[in-house]
Amino acid sequence: MDNTRDTTALLLGLEAGRCEAISTGDRARLEALLADDMQQIHASGVAEGKAAYIDTLLRRRRRCERTGETTVRLYGDTAVMTGPQRNVYADGTVGDMLTTLVWIRREGCWQLASSHSTHMPAR
């Protein structure tokens, strides 16, 4: 078996789970997927730690979906994932973002350690 291919598939599955947890407001799942020292940097430039980020996600509900090719690059126990993401908010607002996610493996488990998003340029 190709370990790189297997790890990439695992990480893409975890990312799909993260998007689903955001979409359904699943706090417990988000708590498990995000590292305790996780940091989110929003497109606005606001940085939040894990607890504040989860609170933001649950306060401003959205449907989160991957909308194009997501690339995963592996560096040992670190993975950098980049790709487009669409957030559709309860009020109908749509945010098309480009995200960079840093996943880390600690004690055999992958968790999201850092996330940065920026608005996609107008086409």
Protein backbone atom coordinates (compact mmCIF):
# COMPACT_ATOMS: atom_id res chain seq x y z
CA MET A 1 0.00 0.00 0.00
CA ASP A 2 1.08 3.54 -0.73
CA ASN A 3 1.42 5.23 2.67
CA THR A 4 1.32 8.72 1.10
CA ARG A 5 -1.90 7.91 -0.75
CA ASP A 6 -3.45 6.37 2.38
CA THR A 7 -2.49 9.33 4.57
CA THR A 8 -3.77 11.79 1.99
CA ALA A 9 -7.10 9.94 1.82
CA LEU A 10 -7.31 9.91 5.63
CA LEU A 11 -6.65 13.65 5.83
CA LEU A 12 -9.18 14.45 3.12
CA GLY A 13 -11.69 12.37 5.10
CA LEU A 14 -10.90 14.33 8.27
CA GLU A 15 -11.35 17.57 6.35
CA ALA A 16 -14.72 16.37 5.04
CA GLY A 17 -15.62 15.59 8.66
CA ARG A 18 -14.54 19.09 9.72
CA CYS A 19 -16.76 20.65 7.06
CA GLU A 20 -19.65 18.43 8.11
CA ALA A 21 -19.14 19.35 11.79
CA ILE A 22 -19.13 23.04 10.87
CA SER A 23 -22.30 22.59 8.80
CA THR A 24 -24.16 20.69 11.54
CA GLY A 25 -22.81 22.66 14.50
CA ASP A 26 -21.22 19.56 16.04
CA ARG A 27 -19.14 21.01 18.88
CA ALA A 28 -17.87 17.63 20.12
CA ARG A 29 -16.58 16.65 16.71
CA LEU A 30 -14.89 20.03 16.23
CA GLU A 31 -13.27 19.71 19.68
CA ALA A 32 -11.83 16.34 18.64
CA LEU A 33 -10.61 17.48 15.19
CA LEU A 34 -8.89 20.68 16.34
CA ALA A 35 -5.63 20.67 18.28
CA ASP A 36 -5.79 22.42 21.65
CA ASP A 37 -3.28 25.01 20.44
CA MET A 38 -5.05 25.48 17.09
CA GLN A 39 -5.18 28.96 15.59
CA GLN A 40 -7.59 30.22 12.96
CA ILE A 41 -6.72 33.32 10.96
CA HIS A 42 -9.83 34.63 9.24
CA ALA A 43 -9.86 36.49 5.93
CA SER A 44 -10.53 39.65 7.98
CA GLY A 45 -7.18 39.20 9.72
CA VAL A 46 -8.77 38.27 13.04
CA ALA A 47 -6.93 35.41 14.78
CA GLU A 48 -8.71 33.05 17.17
CA GLY A 49 -7.68 30.10 19.27
CA LYS A 50 -9.60 26.84 19.35
CA ALA A 51 -12.35 27.80 21.83
CA ALA A 52 -13.07 31.18 20.25
CA TYR A 53 -13.03 29.68 16.75
CA ILE A 54 -15.54 26.98 17.68
CA ASP A 55 -17.76 29.61 19.35
CA THR A 56 -17.61 31.71 16.15
CA LEU A 57 -18.57 28.70 14.02
CA LEU A 58 -21.52 27.88 16.25
CA ARG A 59 -22.67 31.49 16.57
CA ARG A 60 -22.60 32.27 12.83
CA ARG A 61 -23.92 29.07 11.33
CA ARG A 62 -22.91 28.11 7.82
CA ARG A 63 -22.77 25.24 5.39
CA CYS A 64 -19.14 24.49 4.64
CA GLU A 65 -18.11 22.66 1.51
CA ARG A 66 -15.00 22.03 -0.55
CA THR A 67 -15.61 23.35 -4.06
CA GLY A 68 -12.57 22.26 -6.02
CA GLU A 69 -9.32 20.39 -5.90
CA THR A 70 -7.74 20.20 -2.48
CA THR A 71 -4.00 19.58 -2.44
CA VAL A 72 -2.27 17.75 0.41
CA ARG A 73 1.50 17.90 0.87
CA LEU A 74 3.01 15.65 3.52
CA TYR A 75 6.09 16.48 5.59
CA GLY A 76 6.42 13.64 8.10
CA ASP A 77 3.95 14.32 10.91
CA THR A 78 2.79 17.57 9.31
CA ALA A 79 0.50 18.04 6.33
CA VAL A 80 -0.31 21.25 4.48
CA MET A 81 -3.70 21.24 2.76
CA THR A 82 -4.77 23.98 0.35
CA GLY A 83 -7.89 24.47 -1.69
CA PRO A 84 -11.13 26.34 -2.21
CA GLN A 85 -13.92 26.31 0.34
CA ARG A 86 -17.39 27.79 0.13
CA ASN A 87 -19.28 28.97 3.19
CA VAL A 88 -23.00 29.54 2.78
CA TYR A 89 -24.40 31.41 5.76
CA ALA A 90 -27.93 31.23 7.17
CA ASP A 91 -28.72 34.68 5.72
CA GLY A 92 -27.79 33.47 2.22
CA THR A 93 -24.41 35.22 2.10
CA VAL A 94 -21.80 33.16 0.26
CA GLY A 95 -18.10 33.33 1.05
CA ASP A 96 -15.76 31.71 -1.46
CA MET A 97 -12.44 31.24 0.27
CA LEU A 98 -9.03 29.81 -0.38
CA THR A 99 -7.78 27.99 2.70
CA THR A 100 -4.47 26.74 3.97
CA LEU A 101 -4.80 24.11 6.68
CA VAL A 102 -1.93 22.65 8.68
CA TRP A 103 -2.64 19.21 10.12
CA ILE A 104 -0.28 17.60 12.62
CA ARG A 105 0.03 14.02 13.86
CA ARG A 106 0.54 13.73 17.61
CA GLU A 107 0.51 10.37 19.35
CA GLY A 108 -0.80 8.78 16.16
CA CYS A 109 -3.77 11.14 15.72
CA TRP A 110 -4.14 13.87 13.11
CA GLN A 111 -5.57 17.21 14.23
CA LEU A 112 -5.90 20.61 12.64
CA ALA A 113 -3.29 22.95 14.15
CA SER A 114 -3.62 26.04 11.98
CA SER A 115 -6.05 27.40 9.44
CA HIS A 116 -5.89 30.52 7.33
CA SER A 117 -8.51 31.69 4.86
CA THR A 118 -8.61 34.46 2.32
CA HIS A 119 -11.33 35.60 -0.05
CA MET A 120 -11.14 34.25 -3.58
CA PRO A 121 -10.52 36.92 -6.19
CA ALA A 122 -13.47 38.02 -8.30
CA ARG A 123 -13.53 36.34 -11.71
